[in-house]
Amino acid sequence: MFTGIIEEKGKIQTIQRRADGLEIQVACHHVLNDLSVDNSIALDGVCQTVIDCSNGRFSVFAAPETLRKTTLKKWKTGTTVNLERALRANARLGGHLVQGHVDCTGIVTRIIRKQETCLMDIRLPQNWAHLTVTHGSVCLNGVSLTIARKSGLTITVSIIPFTLNATNLSSLKKGDSVNIETDIIGKYLYQFQKESK
């Protein structure tokens, strides 16, 4: 479980194709403090298991299902990714409950910069947009954000300067894909309502 509060930005060092997926090596500093093999870590909101950890970097293995549902298949050497270690049971929940199970990818359709802040429009696939609500939580590339507005399949988020500087959201451009995880509470409520009919 994660919170959507990014701890550090890492850089992809190597990507090795294997028959059934990709082995990805990430260079970083802060998150290595107590990271070890078999730990969970979120890369741009995608929960992965650490398979190697040494010398200022760690490695994960992305399975075919992960590649199909996320932006990982588009990563290259040098790509900057948002990193968050798994939540400790006694830690503050600064963002919202995030599983690291990406539902889909969305497309950036508009970016409006207002002095230091940024408004960003994201278009979601039709089969996921109904699980978002105005003033509800959404996770974009692993970042916990509040939905400021919603219109049809498009949500708008407002991003403060600190978040822009601390994450890779500042490098997004119109047309880019982002990993989206909708709010877990909303998903359960929708499923319960659906099954009770």
N, C-alpha and C. Protein backbone atom coordinates (compact mmCIF):
# COMPACT_ATOMS: atom_id res chain seq x y z
N MET A 1 0.84 -1.18 0.00
CA MET A 1 0.00 0.00 0.00
C MET A 1 0.89 1.25 0.00
N PHE A 2 0.43 2.29 -0.69
CA PHE A 2 1.19 3.53 -0.81
C PHE A 2 0.28 4.72 -0.48
N THR A 3 0.84 5.93 -0.55
CA THR A 3 0.06 7.12 -0.22
C THR A 3 -0.02 8.13 -1.38
N GLY A 4 0.81 7.96 -2.38
CA GLY A 4 0.85 8.93 -3.47
C GLY A 4 1.69 10.15 -3.15
N ILE A 5 2.48 10.08 -2.09
CA ILE A 5 3.43 11.15 -1.75
C ILE A 5 4.81 10.71 -2.22
N ILE A 6 5.28 11.32 -3.28
CA ILE A 6 6.54 10.89 -3.92
C ILE A 6 7.74 11.23 -3.04
N GLU A 7 8.62 10.26 -2.86
CA GLU A 7 9.80 10.46 -2.02
C GLU A 7 11.01 10.96 -2.81
N GLU A 8 11.06 10.58 -4.08
CA GLU A 8 12.26 10.87 -4.87
C GLU A 8 11.98 10.61 -6.34
N LYS A 9 12.71 11.29 -7.19
CA LYS A 9 12.70 10.97 -8.62
C LYS A 9 13.93 10.13 -8.94
N GLY A 10 13.71 9.02 -9.65
CA GLY A 10 14.83 8.18 -10.06
C GLY A 10 14.99 8.22 -11.57
N LYS A 11 16.10 7.68 -12.05
CA LYS A 11 16.35 7.63 -13.50
C LYS A 11 16.55 6.19 -13.94
N ILE A 12 15.91 5.84 -15.05
CA ILE A 12 16.09 4.51 -15.61
C ILE A 12 17.51 4.37 -16.14
N GLN A 13 18.24 3.37 -15.63
CA GLN A 13 19.62 3.14 -16.06
C GLN A 13 19.69 2.15 -17.22
N THR A 14 19.00 1.04 -17.06
CA THR A 14 19.00 0.03 -18.13
C THR A 14 17.62 -0.62 -18.21
N ILE A 15 17.29 -1.08 -19.41
CA ILE A 15 16.09 -1.87 -19.63
C ILE A 15 16.49 -3.08 -20.45
N GLN A 16 16.29 -4.27 -19.88
CA GLN A 16 16.66 -5.50 -20.57
C GLN A 16 15.40 -6.31 -20.88
N ARG A 17 15.20 -6.60 -22.16
CA ARG A 17 14.04 -7.39 -22.54
C ARG A 17 14.29 -8.86 -22.24
N ARG A 18 13.32 -9.46 -21.57
CA ARG A 18 13.35 -10.89 -21.34
C ARG A 18 12.14 -11.48 -22.03
N ALA A 19 12.15 -12.79 -22.20
CA ALA A 19 11.11 -13.44 -23.01
C ALA A 19 9.71 -13.06 -22.57
N ASP A 20 9.52 -12.89 -21.25
CA ASP A 20 8.17 -12.64 -20.75
C ASP A 20 8.01 -11.28 -20.07
N GLY A 21 8.91 -10.34 -20.33
CA GLY A 21 8.77 -9.01 -19.74
C GLY A 21 10.04 -8.20 -19.83
N LEU A 22 10.15 -7.19 -18.94
CA LEU A 22 11.31 -6.30 -18.93
C LEU A 22 11.94 -6.25 -17.54
N GLU A 23 13.27 -6.31 -17.48
CA GLU A 23 13.99 -6.04 -16.24
C GLU A 23 14.46 -4.59 -16.30
N ILE A 24 14.07 -3.81 -15.31
CA ILE A 24 14.32 -2.36 -15.31
C ILE A 24 15.19 -2.01 -14.12
N GLN A 25 16.29 -1.29 -14.39
CA GLN A 25 17.20 -0.85 -13.33
C GLN A 25 17.06 0.66 -13.15
N VAL A 26 16.91 1.08 -11.89
CA VAL A 26 16.65 2.49 -11.58
C VAL A 26 17.73 3.03 -10.65
N ALA A 27 18.32 4.16 -11.01
CA ALA A 27 19.29 4.83 -10.15
C ALA A 27 18.57 5.84 -9.26
N CYS A 28 18.93 5.85 -7.98
CA CYS A 28 18.30 6.76 -7.03
C CYS A 28 19.18 6.88 -5.79
N HIS A 29 18.69 7.60 -4.76
CA HIS A 29 19.49 7.78 -3.54
C HIS A 29 18.65 7.53 -2.29
N HIS A 30 17.69 8.40 -2.04
CA HIS A 30 16.95 8.40 -0.78
C HIS A 30 16.22 7.10 -0.49
N VAL A 31 15.50 6.57 -1.47
CA VAL A 31 14.67 5.38 -1.20
C VAL A 31 15.50 4.13 -0.94
N LEU A 32 16.79 4.17 -1.23
CA LEU A 32 17.65 3.01 -0.99
C LEU A 32 17.99 2.83 0.48
N ASN A 33 17.68 3.83 1.32
CA ASN A 33 18.08 3.80 2.73
C ASN A 33 17.69 2.51 3.44
N ASP A 34 16.46 2.04 3.23
CA ASP A 34 16.07 0.78 3.87
C ASP A 34 15.36 -0.13 2.89
N LEU A 35 15.73 -0.02 1.62
CA LEU A 35 15.14 -0.86 0.58
C LEU A 35 15.94 -2.15 0.44
N SER A 36 15.25 -3.26 0.28
CA SER A 36 15.94 -4.53 0.10
C SER A 36 15.17 -5.42 -0.86
N VAL A 37 15.82 -6.48 -1.29
CA VAL A 37 15.20 -7.44 -2.21
C VAL A 37 13.90 -7.96 -1.61
N ASP A 38 12.88 -8.06 -2.45
CA ASP A 38 11.55 -8.54 -2.09
C ASP A 38 10.64 -7.45 -1.54
N ASN A 39 11.15 -6.22 -1.37
CA ASN A 39 10.31 -5.09 -0.96
C ASN A 39 9.46 -4.62 -2.13
N SER A 40 8.34 -3.99 -1.80
CA SER A 40 7.51 -3.35 -2.82
C SER A 40 7.91 -1.90 -2.96
N ILE A 41 7.88 -1.39 -4.19
CA ILE A 41 8.16 0.01 -4.46
C ILE A 41 7.31 0.43 -5.66
N ALA A 42 6.82 1.65 -5.61
CA ALA A 42 6.00 2.17 -6.71
C ALA A 42 6.86 3.02 -7.63
N LEU A 43 6.82 2.70 -8.92
CA LEU A 43 7.50 3.47 -9.96
C LEU A 43 6.41 4.10 -10.83
N ASP A 44 6.30 5.42 -10.79
CA ASP A 44 5.22 6.12 -11.49
C ASP A 44 3.87 5.50 -11.16
N GLY A 45 3.70 5.10 -9.89
CA GLY A 45 2.44 4.56 -9.43
C GLY A 45 2.24 3.08 -9.65
N VAL A 46 3.22 2.40 -10.22
CA VAL A 46 3.12 0.97 -10.52
C VAL A 46 3.86 0.18 -9.44
N CYS A 47 3.14 -0.62 -8.68
CA CYS A 47 3.77 -1.43 -7.64
C CYS A 47 4.61 -2.53 -8.27
N GLN A 48 5.89 -2.57 -7.87
CA GLN A 48 6.81 -3.58 -8.37
C GLN A 48 7.58 -4.18 -7.20
N THR A 49 8.15 -5.36 -7.41
CA THR A 49 8.94 -6.03 -6.39
C THR A 49 10.42 -5.88 -6.71
N VAL A 50 11.19 -5.46 -5.73
CA VAL A 50 12.64 -5.29 -5.91
C VAL A 50 13.29 -6.67 -6.04
N ILE A 51 14.03 -6.87 -7.14
CA ILE A 51 14.72 -8.15 -7.35
C ILE A 51 16.23 -8.04 -7.16
N ASP A 52 16.74 -6.80 -7.10
CA ASP A 52 18.16 -6.56 -6.84
C ASP A 52 18.30 -5.14 -6.31
N CYS A 53 19.25 -4.95 -5.40
CA CYS A 53 19.42 -3.64 -4.79
C CYS A 53 20.87 -3.47 -4.35
N SER A 54 21.62 -2.59 -5.05
CA SER A 54 23.02 -2.38 -4.71
C SER A 54 23.59 -1.21 -5.49
N ASN A 55 24.64 -0.59 -4.93
CA ASN A 55 25.43 0.42 -5.63
C ASN A 55 24.59 1.56 -6.22
N GLY A 56 23.71 2.14 -5.40
CA GLY A 56 22.96 3.31 -5.84
C GLY A 56 21.85 3.03 -6.83
N ARG A 57 21.39 1.80 -6.88
CA ARG A 57 20.32 1.46 -7.82
C ARG A 57 19.57 0.20 -7.37
N PHE A 58 18.41 0.02 -7.95
CA PHE A 58 17.65 -1.20 -7.70
C PHE A 58 17.04 -1.66 -9.01
N SER A 59 16.62 -2.92 -9.04
CA SER A 59 16.03 -3.49 -10.25
C SER A 59 14.67 -4.11 -9.92
N VAL A 60 13.78 -4.07 -10.92
CA VAL A 60 12.47 -4.71 -10.82
C VAL A 60 12.21 -5.46 -12.12
N PHE A 61 11.21 -6.34 -12.08
CA PHE A 61 10.82 -7.06 -13.29
C PHE A 61 9.37 -6.74 -13.59
N ALA A 62 9.10 -6.21 -14.78
CA ALA A 62 7.75 -5.87 -15.20
C ALA A 62 7.18 -6.98 -16.08
N ALA A 63 6.09 -7.59 -15.62
CA ALA A 63 5.45 -8.68 -16.34
C ALA A 63 4.60 -8.15 -17.50
N PRO A 64 4.22 -9.03 -18.43
CA PRO A 64 3.43 -8.60 -19.60
C PRO A 64 2.16 -7.83 -19.25
N GLU A 65 1.42 -8.26 -18.21
CA GLU A 65 0.19 -7.57 -17.83
C GLU A 65 0.48 -6.14 -17.39
N THR A 66 1.57 -5.94 -16.67
CA THR A 66 1.98 -4.60 -16.25
C THR A 66 2.31 -3.73 -17.46
N LEU A 67 3.03 -4.29 -18.40
CA LEU A 67 3.40 -3.54 -19.60
C LEU A 67 2.16 -3.17 -20.41
N ARG A 68 1.18 -4.04 -20.44
CA ARG A 68 -0.03 -3.79 -21.21
C ARG A 68 -0.85 -2.64 -20.64
N LYS A 69 -0.89 -2.52 -19.30
CA LYS A 69 -1.80 -1.57 -18.66
C LYS A 69 -1.16 -0.25 -18.27
N THR A 70 0.16 -0.11 -18.41
CA THR A 70 0.85 1.07 -17.89
C THR A 70 1.75 1.70 -18.95
N THR A 71 2.42 2.77 -18.53
CA THR A 71 3.35 3.48 -19.42
C THR A 71 4.75 2.84 -19.42
N LEU A 72 4.96 1.80 -18.63
CA LEU A 72 6.30 1.21 -18.54
C LEU A 72 6.85 0.79 -19.89
N LYS A 73 5.98 0.35 -20.79
CA LYS A 73 6.43 -0.12 -22.10
C LYS A 73 7.05 1.01 -22.93
N LYS A 74 6.79 2.26 -22.55
CA LYS A 74 7.33 3.41 -23.28
C LYS A 74 8.61 3.97 -22.67
N TRP A 75 9.01 3.44 -21.51
CA TRP A 75 10.19 3.97 -20.85
C TRP A 75 11.45 3.66 -21.64
N LYS A 76 12.42 4.57 -21.50
CA LYS A 76 13.74 4.42 -22.14
C LYS A 76 14.82 4.72 -21.12
N THR A 77 16.05 4.42 -21.47
CA THR A 77 17.17 4.80 -20.61
C THR A 77 17.15 6.33 -20.44
N GLY A 78 17.24 6.77 -19.20
CA GLY A 78 17.21 8.20 -18.91
C GLY A 78 15.85 8.73 -18.50
N THR A 79 14.79 7.93 -18.67
CA THR A 79 13.45 8.35 -18.26
C THR A 79 13.43 8.61 -16.75
N THR A 80 12.82 9.72 -16.34
CA THR A 80 12.68 10.05 -14.93
C THR A 80 11.37 9.47 -14.41
N VAL A 81 11.43 8.76 -13.27
CA VAL A 81 10.24 8.13 -12.71
C VAL A 81 10.06 8.54 -11.25
N ASN A 82 8.80 8.64 -10.84
CA ASN A 82 8.47 8.95 -9.45
C ASN A 82 8.59 7.69 -8.60
N LEU A 83 9.20 7.82 -7.43
CA LEU A 83 9.44 6.67 -6.56
C LEU A 83 8.79 6.85 -5.19
N GLU A 84 8.18 5.79 -4.70
CA GLU A 84 7.65 5.77 -3.33
C GLU A 84 7.76 4.36 -2.77
N ARG A 85 8.37 4.27 -1.58
CA ARG A 85 8.42 2.99 -0.89
C ARG A 85 7.06 2.67 -0.29
N ALA A 86 6.83 1.41 0.02
CA ALA A 86 5.56 0.99 0.62
C ALA A 86 5.35 1.68 1.96
N LEU A 87 4.07 1.94 2.26
CA LEU A 87 3.68 2.63 3.48
C LEU A 87 3.91 1.77 4.72
N ARG A 88 4.52 2.36 5.75
CA ARG A 88 4.64 1.66 7.03
C ARG A 88 3.32 1.80 7.79
N ALA A 89 2.98 0.81 8.58
CA ALA A 89 1.70 0.81 9.29
C ALA A 89 1.58 1.96 10.28
N ASN A 90 2.71 2.46 10.81
CA ASN A 90 2.67 3.53 11.81
C ASN A 90 2.96 4.91 11.21
N ALA A 91 2.92 5.02 9.87
CA ALA A 91 3.27 6.29 9.23
C ALA A 91 2.01 7.13 8.97
N ARG A 92 2.21 8.44 8.77
CA ARG A 92 1.11 9.33 8.42
C ARG A 92 0.65 9.05 6.99
N LEU A 93 -0.65 9.10 6.79
CA LEU A 93 -1.22 8.92 5.46
C LEU A 93 -1.39 10.31 4.84
N GLY A 94 -0.31 10.79 4.21
CA GLY A 94 -0.30 12.17 3.72
C GLY A 94 -1.13 12.39 2.48
N GLY A 95 -1.27 11.37 1.64
CA GLY A 95 -2.04 11.52 0.41
C GLY A 95 -3.38 10.82 0.54
N HIS A 96 -3.52 9.68 -0.16
CA HIS A 96 -4.71 8.83 0.01
C HIS A 96 -4.27 7.39 -0.19
N LEU A 97 -5.15 6.45 0.10
CA LEU A 97 -4.79 5.04 -0.03
C LEU A 97 -4.60 4.65 -1.49
N VAL A 98 -3.38 4.25 -1.82
CA VAL A 98 -3.01 3.90 -3.19
C VAL A 98 -2.45 2.48 -3.18
N GLN A 99 -2.98 1.63 -4.04
CA GLN A 99 -2.54 0.24 -4.08
C GLN A 99 -1.30 0.03 -4.95
N GLY A 100 -1.09 0.92 -5.91
CA GLY A 100 -0.03 0.68 -6.88
C GLY A 100 -0.48 -0.23 -8.00
N HIS A 101 -1.80 -0.44 -8.08
CA HIS A 101 -2.40 -1.26 -9.14
C HIS A 101 -3.03 -0.32 -10.16
N VAL A 102 -2.29 0.03 -11.17
CA VAL A 102 -2.75 1.00 -12.17
C VAL A 102 -3.95 0.44 -12.93
N ASP A 103 -4.99 1.25 -13.02
CA ASP A 103 -6.21 0.84 -13.71
C ASP A 103 -6.10 0.99 -15.21
N CYS A 104 -5.47 2.08 -15.64
CA CYS A 104 -5.42 2.40 -17.07
C CYS A 104 -4.43 3.53 -17.28
N THR A 105 -4.26 3.93 -18.52
CA THR A 105 -3.49 5.14 -18.82
C THR A 105 -4.45 6.19 -19.37
N GLY A 106 -4.15 7.44 -19.08
CA GLY A 106 -4.91 8.56 -19.60
C GLY A 106 -4.02 9.42 -20.47
N ILE A 107 -4.63 10.36 -21.18
CA ILE A 107 -3.88 11.23 -22.10
C ILE A 107 -3.98 12.68 -21.62
N VAL A 108 -2.86 13.36 -21.55
CA VAL A 108 -2.85 14.78 -21.22
C VAL A 108 -3.40 15.55 -22.42
N THR A 109 -4.50 16.28 -22.22
CA THR A 109 -5.12 17.00 -23.33
C THR A 109 -4.90 18.50 -23.27
N ARG A 110 -4.57 19.03 -22.06
CA ARG A 110 -4.32 20.46 -21.96
C ARG A 110 -3.53 20.75 -20.70
N ILE A 111 -2.61 21.70 -20.80
CA ILE A 111 -1.83 22.16 -19.65
C ILE A 111 -1.89 23.67 -19.62
N ILE A 112 -2.35 24.22 -18.51
CA ILE A 112 -2.42 25.67 -18.34
C ILE A 112 -1.55 26.05 -17.16
N ARG A 113 -0.51 26.83 -17.42
CA ARG A 113 0.37 27.28 -16.34
C ARG A 113 -0.08 28.67 -15.88
N LYS A 114 -0.36 28.78 -14.58
CA LYS A 114 -0.78 30.04 -13.98
C LYS A 114 0.26 30.43 -12.95
N GLN A 115 1.16 31.34 -13.35
CA GLN A 115 2.29 31.71 -12.50
C GLN A 115 3.04 30.43 -12.09
N GLU A 116 2.96 30.05 -10.82
CA GLU A 116 3.74 28.89 -10.39
C GLU A 116 2.94 27.59 -10.38
N THR A 117 1.61 27.69 -10.42
CA THR A 117 0.79 26.48 -10.39
C THR A 117 0.47 26.01 -11.80
N CYS A 118 -0.17 24.86 -11.88
CA CYS A 118 -0.45 24.26 -13.18
C CYS A 118 -1.80 23.55 -13.13
N LEU A 119 -2.64 23.80 -14.13
CA LEU A 119 -3.87 23.05 -14.30
C LEU A 119 -3.65 22.07 -15.44
N MET A 120 -4.02 20.82 -15.22
CA MET A 120 -3.78 19.79 -16.22
C MET A 120 -5.06 19.00 -16.47
N ASP A 121 -5.44 18.88 -17.74
CA ASP A 121 -6.59 18.08 -18.13
C ASP A 121 -6.12 16.70 -18.59
N ILE A 122 -6.77 15.66 -18.09
CA ILE A 122 -6.44 14.28 -18.44
C ILE A 122 -7.71 13.60 -18.94
N ARG A 123 -7.63 13.01 -20.14
CA ARG A 123 -8.78 12.25 -20.66
C ARG A 123 -8.61 10.78 -20.31
N LEU A 124 -9.64 10.22 -19.67
CA LEU A 124 -9.63 8.82 -19.23
C LEU A 124 -10.39 7.95 -20.21
N PRO A 125 -10.07 6.66 -20.24
CA PRO A 125 -10.88 5.73 -21.02
C PRO A 125 -12.31 5.70 -20.47
N GLN A 126 -13.27 5.45 -21.33
CA GLN A 126 -14.68 5.49 -20.93
C GLN A 126 -15.01 4.53 -19.81
N ASN A 127 -14.37 3.36 -19.80
CA ASN A 127 -14.71 2.37 -18.78
C ASN A 127 -14.07 2.64 -17.42
N TRP A 128 -13.34 3.76 -17.28
CA TRP A 128 -12.77 4.12 -15.98
C TRP A 128 -13.18 5.51 -15.51
N ALA A 129 -13.63 6.36 -16.40
CA ALA A 129 -13.95 7.75 -16.04
C ALA A 129 -15.04 7.84 -14.99
N HIS A 130 -15.99 6.90 -15.00
CA HIS A 130 -17.11 6.97 -14.05
C HIS A 130 -16.67 6.74 -12.60
N LEU A 131 -15.44 6.30 -12.38
CA LEU A 131 -14.95 6.08 -11.03
C LEU A 131 -14.20 7.29 -10.48
N THR A 132 -14.33 8.43 -11.14
CA THR A 132 -13.73 9.67 -10.66
C THR A 132 -14.83 10.68 -10.35
N VAL A 133 -14.61 11.49 -9.31
CA VAL A 133 -15.59 12.51 -8.92
C VAL A 133 -14.87 13.81 -8.60
N THR A 134 -15.56 14.92 -8.82
CA THR A 134 -15.01 16.23 -8.46
C THR A 134 -14.70 16.26 -6.97
N HIS A 135 -13.51 16.74 -6.65
CA HIS A 135 -12.97 16.84 -5.28
C HIS A 135 -12.59 15.48 -4.71
N GLY A 136 -12.66 14.43 -5.53
CA GLY A 136 -12.20 13.12 -5.10
C GLY A 136 -10.71 12.96 -5.38
N SER A 137 -10.16 11.85 -4.95
CA SER A 137 -8.73 11.57 -5.13
C SER A 137 -8.48 10.77 -6.40
N VAL A 138 -7.33 11.02 -7.00
CA VAL A 138 -6.86 10.23 -8.14
C VAL A 138 -5.35 10.17 -8.06
N CYS A 139 -4.77 9.11 -8.57
CA CYS A 139 -3.32 8.96 -8.57
C CYS A 139 -2.82 9.01 -10.01
N LEU A 140 -1.99 10.01 -10.31
CA LEU A 140 -1.41 10.18 -11.65
C LEU A 140 0.10 9.98 -11.57
N ASN A 141 0.61 8.99 -12.28
CA ASN A 141 2.05 8.67 -12.22
C ASN A 141 2.53 8.52 -10.79
N GLY A 142 1.64 7.97 -9.93
CA GLY A 142 2.02 7.72 -8.55
C GLY A 142 1.80 8.89 -7.62
N VAL A 143 1.31 10.01 -8.14
CA VAL A 143 1.13 11.23 -7.33
C VAL A 143 -0.34 11.36 -6.91
N SER A 144 -0.56 11.49 -5.62
CA SER A 144 -1.91 11.70 -5.09
C SER A 144 -2.35 13.13 -5.39
N LEU A 145 -3.47 13.27 -6.12
CA LEU A 145 -3.99 14.58 -6.49
C LEU A 145 -5.49 14.62 -6.26
N THR A 146 -6.00 15.85 -6.14
CA THR A 146 -7.44 16.06 -6.00
C THR A 146 -8.01 16.52 -7.33
N ILE A 147 -9.13 15.95 -7.71
CA ILE A 147 -9.79 16.34 -8.96
C ILE A 147 -10.51 17.67 -8.74
N ALA A 148 -10.07 18.70 -9.44
CA ALA A 148 -10.68 20.03 -9.29
C ALA A 148 -11.99 20.13 -10.07
N ARG A 149 -12.02 19.54 -11.25
CA ARG A 149 -13.22 19.57 -12.09
C ARG A 149 -13.30 18.27 -12.88
N LYS A 150 -14.52 17.97 -13.34
CA LYS A 150 -14.72 16.82 -14.20
C LYS A 150 -15.75 17.17 -15.25
N SER A 151 -15.45 16.82 -16.51
CA SER A 151 -16.37 17.06 -17.61
C SER A 151 -16.30 15.88 -18.56
N GLY A 152 -17.33 15.05 -18.55
CA GLY A 152 -17.33 13.86 -19.40
C GLY A 152 -16.21 12.92 -19.01
N LEU A 153 -15.34 12.63 -19.97
CA LEU A 153 -14.22 11.72 -19.73
C LEU A 153 -12.97 12.44 -19.24
N THR A 154 -13.06 13.75 -19.08
CA THR A 154 -11.88 14.55 -18.73
C THR A 154 -11.92 15.04 -17.29
N ILE A 155 -10.81 14.83 -16.58
CA ILE A 155 -10.65 15.38 -15.24
C ILE A 155 -9.59 16.47 -15.29
N THR A 156 -9.73 17.44 -14.40
CA THR A 156 -8.75 18.52 -14.28
C THR A 156 -8.15 18.48 -12.89
N VAL A 157 -6.83 18.50 -12.81
CA VAL A 157 -6.13 18.55 -11.52
C VAL A 157 -5.32 19.83 -11.45
N SER A 158 -5.20 20.35 -10.24
CA SER A 158 -4.39 21.53 -10.00
C SER A 158 -3.13 21.09 -9.27
N ILE A 159 -1.98 21.45 -9.80
CA ILE A 159 -0.71 20.97 -9.24
C ILE A 159 0.09 22.15 -8.70
N ILE A 160 0.45 22.08 -7.41
CA ILE A 160 1.16 23.17 -6.76
C ILE A 160 2.65 23.12 -7.11
N PRO A 161 3.37 24.24 -6.92
CA PRO A 161 4.79 24.28 -7.29
C PRO A 161 5.64 23.19 -6.64
N PHE A 162 5.41 22.90 -5.36
CA PHE A 162 6.21 21.87 -4.70
C PHE A 162 6.07 20.53 -5.40
N THR A 163 4.83 20.15 -5.73
CA THR A 163 4.59 18.87 -6.40
C THR A 163 5.21 18.84 -7.79
N LEU A 164 5.13 19.96 -8.51
CA LEU A 164 5.75 20.03 -9.83
C LEU A 164 7.25 19.80 -9.74
N ASN A 165 7.88 20.42 -8.73
CA ASN A 165 9.34 20.29 -8.59
C ASN A 165 9.76 18.92 -8.09
N ALA A 166 8.92 18.29 -7.27
CA ALA A 166 9.29 17.03 -6.62
C ALA A 166 8.96 15.80 -7.45
N THR A 167 8.24 15.98 -8.56
CA THR A 167 7.80 14.83 -9.36
C THR A 167 8.09 15.05 -10.84
N ASN A 168 7.79 14.03 -11.65
CA ASN A 168 8.00 14.18 -13.10
C ASN A 168 6.79 14.77 -13.81
N LEU A 169 5.78 15.21 -13.06
CA LEU A 169 4.61 15.82 -13.69
C LEU A 169 4.98 17.11 -14.42
N SER A 170 6.06 17.76 -13.98
CA SER A 170 6.48 19.02 -14.60
C SER A 170 6.96 18.82 -16.04
N SER A 171 7.34 17.60 -16.38
CA SER A 171 7.87 17.34 -17.73
C SER A 171 6.80 16.85 -18.70
N LEU A 172 5.57 16.69 -18.22
CA LEU A 172 4.51 16.20 -19.10
C LEU A 172 4.14 17.23 -20.15
N LYS A 173 3.76 16.74 -21.33
CA LYS A 173 3.34 17.59 -22.44
C LYS A 173 2.00 17.09 -22.96
N LYS A 174 1.32 17.95 -23.70
CA LYS A 174 0.05 17.57 -24.32
C LYS A 174 0.28 16.33 -25.19
N GLY A 175 -0.58 15.32 -25.02
CA GLY A 175 -0.46 14.08 -25.78
C GLY A 175 0.26 12.97 -25.05
N ASP A 176 0.93 13.30 -23.92
CA ASP A 176 1.64 12.27 -23.15
C ASP A 176 0.64 11.36 -22.43
N SER A 177 1.07 10.12 -22.20
CA SER A 177 0.28 9.16 -21.43
C SER A 177 0.70 9.20 -19.97
N VAL A 178 -0.27 8.99 -19.07
CA VAL A 178 0.02 8.93 -17.64
C VAL A 178 -0.67 7.71 -17.04
N ASN A 179 -0.04 7.14 -16.01
CA ASN A 179 -0.64 6.03 -15.29
C ASN A 179 -1.73 6.56 -14.36
N ILE A 180 -2.88 5.89 -14.36
CA ILE A 180 -4.00 6.34 -13.54
C ILE A 180 -4.47 5.20 -12.64
N GLU A 181 -4.59 5.51 -11.35
CA GLU A 181 -5.25 4.62 -10.41
C GLU A 181 -6.39 5.40 -9.77
N THR A 182 -7.61 4.95 -9.99
CA THR A 182 -8.76 5.61 -9.39
C THR A 182 -8.85 5.24 -7.91
N ASP A 183 -9.66 5.96 -7.17
CA ASP A 183 -9.76 5.79 -5.73
C ASP A 183 -10.33 4.42 -5.37
N ILE A 184 -9.62 3.67 -4.53
CA ILE A 184 -10.03 2.31 -4.17
C ILE A 184 -11.38 2.29 -3.48
N ILE A 185 -11.68 3.31 -2.66
CA ILE A 185 -12.97 3.35 -1.97
C ILE A 185 -14.10 3.48 -2.98
N GLY A 186 -13.92 4.34 -3.98
CA GLY A 186 -14.93 4.50 -5.02
C GLY A 186 -15.14 3.21 -5.81
N LYS A 187 -14.08 2.46 -6.04
CA LYS A 187 -14.20 1.20 -6.78
C LYS A 187 -15.02 0.18 -6.00
N TYR A 188 -14.76 0.08 -4.70
CA TYR A 188 -15.53 -0.85 -3.88
C TYR A 188 -16.99 -0.45 -3.80
N LEU A 189 -17.26 0.85 -3.60
CA LEU A 189 -18.64 1.31 -3.51
C LEU A 189 -19.40 1.04 -4.80
N TYR A 190 -18.72 1.29 -5.93
CA TYR A 190 -19.36 1.05 -7.23
C TYR A 190 -19.68 -0.43 -7.40
N GLN A 191 -18.75 -1.30 -7.02
CA GLN A 191 -18.95 -2.74 -7.17
C GLN A 191 -20.09 -3.24 -6.27
N PHE A 192 -20.11 -2.75 -5.01
CA PHE A 192 -21.17 -3.15 -4.10
C PHE A 192 -22.54 -2.75 -4.63
N GLN A 193 -22.61 -1.50 -5.15
CA GLN A 193 -23.87 -1.00 -5.69
C GLN A 193 -24.30 -1.82 -6.91
N LYS A 194 -23.35 -2.14 -7.76
CA LYS A 194 -23.61 -2.91 -8.98
C LYS A 194 -24.14 -4.30 -8.65
N GLU A 195 -23.53 -4.95 -7.65
CA GLU A 195 -23.91 -6.31 -7.30
C GLU A 195 -25.22 -6.37 -6.52
N SER A 196 -25.62 -5.25 -5.88
CA SER A 196 -26.85 -5.25 -5.09
C SER A 196 -28.10 -5.01 -5.92
N LYS A 197 -27.91 -4.67 -7.19
CA LYS A 197 -29.07 -4.40 -8.06
C LYS A 197 -29.74 -5.70 -8.51
